[in-house]
Amino acid sequence: RAIQTEIYADTPEGMPGNDDGGTLSAWYALSAIGLYPLNGTACYVLTTPLFDRVTIDRPEGVLTIEAA
């Protein structure tokens, strides 16, 4: 959470280091919605999202993540 709230920002200085073609941005987006991809698998770990509720429209149906 500290990395999300203290290092990232919507300013030119808000993207730490080299973004590596979007890798850091993708990590931030996934972690902000409460998902952490397990490297080398098709699995994700659910984590605490930055938002109270996240809704993702997928071809298989809607995925909703709610923070309790």
C-alpha atoms as a PDB file:
ATOM      1  CA  ARG A   1       0.000   0.000   0.000  1.00  0.00           C
ATOM      2  CA  ALA A   2       2.868   2.381   0.780  1.00  0.00           C
ATOM      3  CA  ILE A   3       4.250   2.002  -2.742  1.00  0.00           C
ATOM      4  CA  GLN A   4       0.829   2.742  -4.222  1.00  0.00           C
ATOM      5  CA  THR A   5       0.115   5.795  -2.087  1.00  0.00           C
ATOM      6  CA  GLU A   6       3.562   7.289  -1.443  1.00  0.00           C
ATOM      7  CA  ILE A   7       5.617   6.617  -4.584  1.00  0.00           C
ATOM      8  CA  TYR A   8       3.105   6.692  -7.460  1.00  0.00           C
ATOM      9  CA  ALA A   9       1.395   9.986  -8.313  1.00  0.00           C
ATOM     10  CA  ASP A  10      -0.262  11.740 -11.255  1.00  0.00           C
ATOM     11  CA  THR A  11       2.818  13.928 -11.826  1.00  0.00           C
ATOM     12  CA  PRO A  12       5.934  13.497 -13.990  1.00  0.00           C
ATOM     13  CA  GLU A  13       7.774  12.272 -10.876  1.00  0.00           C
ATOM     14  CA  GLY A  14       4.996   9.820 -10.047  1.00  0.00           C
ATOM     15  CA  MET A  15       6.393   6.883 -12.063  1.00  0.00           C
ATOM     16  CA  PRO A  16       9.437   5.460 -10.304  1.00  0.00           C
ATOM     17  CA  GLY A  17      12.330   4.261 -12.436  1.00  0.00           C
ATOM     18  CA  ASN A  18      12.041   2.931 -15.956  1.00  0.00           C
ATOM     19  CA  ASP A  19       8.478   1.829 -16.701  1.00  0.00           C
ATOM     20  CA  ASP A  20       9.836  -1.117 -18.742  1.00  0.00           C
ATOM     21  CA  GLY A  21       7.241  -0.884 -21.499  1.00  0.00           C
ATOM     22  CA  GLY A  22       4.273  -0.678 -19.152  1.00  0.00           C
ATOM     23  CA  THR A  23       5.219  -3.359 -16.619  1.00  0.00           C
ATOM     24  CA  LEU A  24       5.143  -1.003 -13.621  1.00  0.00           C
ATOM     25  CA  SER A  25       1.941   0.617 -14.844  1.00  0.00           C
ATOM     26  CA  ALA A  26       0.326  -2.802 -15.248  1.00  0.00           C
ATOM     27  CA  TRP A  27       1.442  -3.797 -11.735  1.00  0.00           C
ATOM     28  CA  TYR A  28      -0.090  -0.619 -10.319  1.00  0.00           C
ATOM     29  CA  ALA A  29      -3.381  -1.078 -12.176  1.00  0.00           C
ATOM     30  CA  LEU A  30      -3.722  -4.711 -11.105  1.00  0.00           C
ATOM     31  CA  SER A  31      -2.754  -4.051  -7.496  1.00  0.00           C
ATOM     32  CA  ALA A  32      -5.118  -1.063  -7.324  1.00  0.00           C
ATOM     33  CA  ILE A  33      -8.044  -3.315  -8.250  1.00  0.00           C
ATOM     34  CA  GLY A  34      -6.917  -6.012  -5.807  1.00  0.00           C
ATOM     35  CA  LEU A  35      -5.272  -8.590  -8.075  1.00  0.00           C
ATOM     36  CA  TYR A  36      -1.719  -9.928  -7.952  1.00  0.00           C
ATOM     37  CA  PRO A  37      -0.648 -12.179 -10.850  1.00  0.00           C
ATOM     38  CA  LEU A  38       1.356 -15.282  -9.950  1.00  0.00           C
ATOM     39  CA  ASN A  39       4.323 -15.314 -12.312  1.00  0.00           C
ATOM     40  CA  GLY A  40       4.313 -18.193 -14.796  1.00  0.00           C
ATOM     41  CA  THR A  41       0.711 -19.202 -14.089  1.00  0.00           C
ATOM     42  CA  ALA A  42      -2.793 -18.147 -15.070  1.00  0.00           C
ATOM     43  CA  CYS A  43      -3.614 -17.559 -11.384  1.00  0.00           C
ATOM     44  CA  TYR A  44      -4.144 -14.378  -9.396  1.00  0.00           C
ATOM     45  CA  VAL A  45      -4.078 -13.710  -5.655  1.00  0.00           C
ATOM     46  CA  LEU A  46      -6.814 -11.459  -4.308  1.00  0.00           C
ATOM     47  CA  THR A  47      -5.430  -8.548  -2.303  1.00  0.00           C
ATOM     48  CA  THR A  48      -6.933  -5.439  -0.743  1.00  0.00           C
ATOM     49  CA  PRO A  49      -7.953  -3.007  -3.500  1.00  0.00           C
ATOM     50  CA  LEU A  50      -7.483   0.754  -3.281  1.00  0.00           C
ATOM     51  CA  PHE A  51     -11.190   1.147  -4.005  1.00  0.00           C
ATOM     52  CA  ASP A  52     -14.261   0.076  -2.040  1.00  0.00           C
ATOM     53  CA  ARG A  53     -15.667  -1.682  -5.108  1.00  0.00           C
ATOM     54  CA  VAL A  54     -14.181  -2.675  -8.465  1.00  0.00           C
ATOM     55  CA  THR A  55     -16.243  -4.042 -11.372  1.00  0.00           C
ATOM     56  CA  ILE A  56     -14.598  -5.629 -14.412  1.00  0.00           C
ATOM     57  CA  ASP A  57     -16.637  -6.575 -17.487  1.00  0.00           C
ATOM     58  CA  ARG A  58     -15.316  -9.821 -18.962  1.00  0.00           C
ATOM     59  CA  PRO A  59     -16.593 -12.019 -21.791  1.00  0.00           C
ATOM     60  CA  GLU A  60     -17.370 -14.714 -19.181  1.00  0.00           C
ATOM     61  CA  GLY A  61     -19.335 -12.286 -17.018  1.00  0.00           C
ATOM     62  CA  VAL A  62     -18.810  -9.451 -14.571  1.00  0.00           C
ATOM     63  CA  LEU A  63     -16.123  -9.759 -11.883  1.00  0.00           C
ATOM     64  CA  THR A  64     -16.793  -7.620  -8.805  1.00  0.00           C
ATOM     65  CA  ILE A  65     -14.242  -7.134  -6.027  1.00  0.00           C
ATOM     66  CA  GLU A  66     -15.505  -5.482  -2.839  1.00  0.00           C
ATOM     67  CA  ALA A  67     -13.402  -4.430   0.113  1.00  0.00           C
ATOM     68  CA  ALA A  68     -15.027  -5.291   3.407  1.00  0.00           C
END
